[in-house]
Amino acid sequence: MPGDQDSEPSVPAEKPFYRSSNGDRWYLAEDPATGSRVVRHVANPQSGGHVSYQDIESFLSAGQGPEHQAFRLLMKGDHAATILIAYDLHPAEGAAYDALVNAIRASGVWWHHMETAWIVRSDKTPEDLRDQLKVYIGPDDQLLVVDITGARAEWAGVSDSGSKWLEEHIRA
């Protein structure tokens, strides 16, 4: 945090969101192996200073501690919206499909439990996301981008962790 004089380097595109009294730190970050948005935990130096990465859904379902609460507050920032992205691509595989999926993942914290539907918590507008993603669709493809922040929503057949994510990001 501001004024820290330790040697923990800052990684570009990271956003710190919690520091515990024992010196552990949590960041919204990018997984260096996959490029997806994750929670990066840096243990305090006394416990070895180990760095670990956890996908956001697993992190949120792991508990209700102060670091989880801080992350939820970060995601509820006034600038962020909850965006539904749905698409119909032909074929539903290959380089264009992979590029679209990677672009959606890079847009913010995301939920993806259905084949062609994603929900993304992002500071981008639906128009910005549409413009960013439409370069990956062909003439026979379709793309739908809708702001569903605070929308009335119901679901069935979704896992407990998926339901929790939906509760926190749609009904927030």
Protein backbone atom coordinates (compact mmCIF):
# COMPACT_ATOMS: atom_id res chain seq x y z
CA MET A 1 0.00 0.00 0.00
CA PRO A 2 1.17 3.60 -0.19
CA GLY A 3 4.30 4.15 1.82
CA ASP A 4 5.28 0.48 1.97
CA GLN A 5 9.01 0.08 1.88
CA ASP A 6 9.28 -3.66 1.32
CA SER A 7 10.62 -5.43 -1.73
CA GLU A 8 7.33 -6.89 -3.05
CA PRO A 9 7.28 -5.84 -6.70
CA SER A 10 4.11 -4.56 -8.26
CA VAL A 11 2.95 -6.41 -11.34
CA PRO A 12 1.39 -4.35 -14.16
CA ALA A 13 -2.42 -4.47 -14.35
CA GLU A 14 -2.70 -5.60 -10.73
CA LYS A 15 -5.08 -4.00 -8.29
CA PRO A 16 -4.38 -4.44 -4.56
CA PHE A 17 -7.51 -4.91 -2.50
CA TYR A 18 -6.51 -6.15 0.96
CA ARG A 19 -3.56 -6.28 3.33
CA SER A 20 -3.91 -8.23 6.57
CA SER A 21 -2.45 -7.19 9.90
CA ASN A 22 0.21 -9.92 9.55
CA GLY A 23 1.37 -8.56 6.17
CA ASP A 24 -0.38 -10.94 3.76
CA ARG A 25 -1.54 -9.17 0.60
CA TRP A 26 -4.24 -9.87 -1.98
CA TYR A 27 -4.46 -8.49 -5.50
CA LEU A 28 -6.82 -8.73 -8.44
CA ALA A 29 -4.30 -9.88 -11.03
CA GLU A 30 -3.63 -11.80 -14.20
CA ASP A 31 -2.47 -15.41 -14.01
CA PRO A 32 0.96 -15.47 -15.67
CA ALA A 33 0.31 -18.95 -17.06
CA THR A 34 -3.18 -18.46 -18.52
CA GLY A 35 -3.74 -14.71 -18.73
CA SER A 36 -7.09 -15.03 -16.93
CA ARG A 37 -8.13 -12.75 -14.08
CA VAL A 38 -7.31 -14.27 -10.69
CA VAL A 39 -6.69 -13.41 -7.08
CA ARG A 40 -2.97 -13.28 -6.30
CA HIS A 41 -2.04 -13.88 -2.67
CA VAL A 42 1.39 -12.92 -1.37
CA ALA A 43 2.11 -14.44 2.02
CA ASN A 44 3.97 -12.35 4.57
CA PRO A 45 7.77 -12.70 4.71
CA GLN A 46 7.66 -14.49 8.08
CA SER A 47 5.68 -17.35 6.56
CA GLY A 48 7.88 -17.57 3.47
CA GLY A 49 6.43 -14.90 1.20
CA HIS A 50 4.97 -17.51 -1.14
CA VAL A 51 2.85 -16.29 -4.03
CA SER A 52 -0.25 -18.20 -5.09
CA TYR A 53 -2.97 -17.68 -7.68
CA GLN A 54 -6.61 -18.69 -7.31
CA ASP A 55 -9.46 -18.34 -9.76
CA ILE A 56 -12.00 -15.79 -8.60
CA GLU A 57 -14.91 -18.20 -8.21
CA SER A 58 -12.85 -20.49 -5.96
CA PHE A 59 -11.57 -17.54 -3.95
CA LEU A 60 -15.07 -16.21 -3.34
CA SER A 61 -16.45 -19.61 -2.41
CA ALA A 62 -13.56 -20.25 0.03
CA GLY A 63 -14.83 -18.02 2.80
CA GLN A 64 -16.21 -14.83 4.27
CA GLY A 65 -12.99 -13.40 5.71
CA PRO A 66 -11.99 -9.75 5.48
CA GLU A 67 -10.04 -10.38 2.28
CA HIS A 68 -13.19 -11.83 0.67
CA GLN A 69 -15.26 -8.88 1.85
CA ALA A 70 -12.66 -6.44 0.49
CA PHE A 71 -12.73 -8.21 -2.87
CA ARG A 72 -16.52 -8.04 -3.02
CA LEU A 73 -16.37 -4.31 -2.28
CA LEU A 74 -13.81 -3.88 -5.06
CA MET A 75 -16.15 -5.64 -7.48
CA LYS A 76 -19.09 -3.48 -6.40
CA GLY A 77 -17.30 -0.25 -7.28
CA ASP A 78 -19.53 2.37 -8.88
CA HIS A 79 -17.60 2.15 -12.13
CA ALA A 80 -18.21 -1.57 -12.68
CA ALA A 81 -21.24 -3.07 -14.37
CA THR A 82 -22.43 -6.65 -14.68
CA ILE A 83 -22.63 -7.49 -18.38
CA LEU A 84 -24.24 -10.53 -20.03
CA ILE A 85 -22.44 -11.63 -23.19
CA ALA A 86 -24.00 -14.30 -25.39
CA TYR A 87 -22.94 -15.42 -28.85
CA ASP A 88 -23.61 -17.86 -31.63
CA LEU A 89 -20.45 -18.62 -33.62
CA HIS A 90 -20.04 -20.91 -36.63
CA PRO A 91 -18.05 -23.04 -36.10
CA ALA A 92 -18.04 -23.05 -32.31
CA GLU A 93 -14.33 -23.92 -32.20
CA GLY A 94 -11.06 -22.86 -33.70
CA ALA A 95 -8.88 -19.77 -33.61
CA ALA A 96 -11.68 -17.18 -33.95
CA TYR A 97 -13.68 -18.84 -31.17
CA ASP A 98 -10.61 -19.02 -28.89
CA ALA A 99 -9.80 -15.37 -29.59
CA LEU A 100 -13.34 -14.31 -28.65
CA VAL A 101 -13.22 -16.33 -25.42
CA ASN A 102 -9.84 -14.84 -24.50
CA ALA A 103 -11.13 -11.32 -25.17
CA ILE A 104 -14.16 -11.94 -22.93
CA ARG A 105 -11.94 -13.31 -20.15
CA ALA A 106 -9.73 -10.25 -20.36
CA SER A 107 -12.74 -7.92 -19.94
CA GLY A 108 -13.09 -8.35 -16.18
CA VAL A 109 -14.11 -10.81 -13.51
CA TRP A 110 -16.20 -13.41 -15.31
CA TRP A 111 -18.64 -16.29 -14.81
CA HIS A 112 -19.03 -18.94 -17.51
CA HIS A 113 -21.12 -22.00 -16.72
CA MET A 114 -23.14 -22.16 -19.96
CA GLU A 115 -21.75 -22.91 -23.38
CA THR A 116 -22.25 -19.55 -25.07
CA ALA A 117 -23.19 -17.23 -22.22
CA TRP A 118 -20.82 -15.27 -20.01
CA ILE A 119 -21.40 -12.75 -17.27
CA VAL A 120 -18.59 -10.25 -16.83
CA ARG A 121 -18.08 -7.65 -14.11
CA SER A 122 -16.36 -4.89 -16.04
CA ASP A 123 -15.74 -1.16 -16.07
CA LYS A 124 -16.47 -1.15 -19.81
CA THR A 125 -19.85 -0.22 -21.27
CA PRO A 126 -21.88 -2.71 -23.33
CA GLU A 127 -21.06 -0.61 -26.40
CA ASP A 128 -17.33 -0.77 -25.66
CA LEU A 129 -17.48 -4.53 -25.12
CA ARG A 130 -19.54 -5.04 -28.29
CA ASP A 131 -17.03 -3.05 -30.31
CA GLN A 132 -14.14 -4.94 -28.76
CA LEU A 133 -15.71 -8.37 -29.39
CA LYS A 134 -17.40 -7.91 -32.78
CA VAL A 135 -14.05 -8.21 -34.56
CA TYR A 136 -14.16 -11.94 -33.69
CA ILE A 137 -17.55 -12.71 -35.23
CA GLY A 138 -18.24 -13.56 -38.85
CA PRO A 139 -21.13 -12.66 -41.15
CA ASP A 140 -23.25 -15.63 -39.98
CA ASP A 141 -22.48 -15.11 -36.26
CA GLN A 142 -24.40 -13.25 -33.57
CA LEU A 143 -23.31 -11.34 -30.47
CA LEU A 144 -25.46 -9.98 -27.63
CA VAL A 145 -24.06 -7.65 -24.92
CA VAL A 146 -26.48 -6.47 -22.20
CA ASP A 147 -25.91 -4.56 -18.94
CA ILE A 148 -27.72 -6.63 -16.28
CA THR A 149 -26.43 -4.78 -13.21
CA GLY A 150 -29.03 -5.15 -10.46
CA ALA A 151 -31.40 -6.99 -12.79
CA ARG A 152 -34.06 -9.35 -11.54
CA ALA A 153 -32.76 -12.80 -12.30
CA GLU A 154 -33.47 -16.39 -11.37
CA TRP A 155 -31.68 -19.62 -12.26
CA ALA A 156 -31.81 -23.37 -11.79
CA GLY A 157 -29.29 -26.18 -12.06
CA VAL A 158 -26.34 -23.93 -11.22
CA SER A 159 -23.71 -25.11 -8.71
CA ASP A 160 -23.59 -23.57 -5.24
CA SER A 161 -20.46 -21.57 -6.09
CA GLY A 162 -22.03 -20.42 -9.37
CA SER A 163 -25.21 -19.39 -7.58
CA LYS A 164 -23.18 -17.47 -5.03
CA TRP A 165 -21.34 -15.63 -7.81
CA LEU A 166 -24.62 -14.74 -9.51
CA GLU A 167 -26.13 -13.53 -6.22
CA GLU A 168 -23.15 -11.26 -5.55
CA HIS A 169 -22.81 -9.79 -9.03
CA ILE A 170 -26.35 -9.54 -10.37
CA ARG A 171 -28.40 -8.89 -7.28
CA ALA A 172 -25.73 -6.66 -5.75
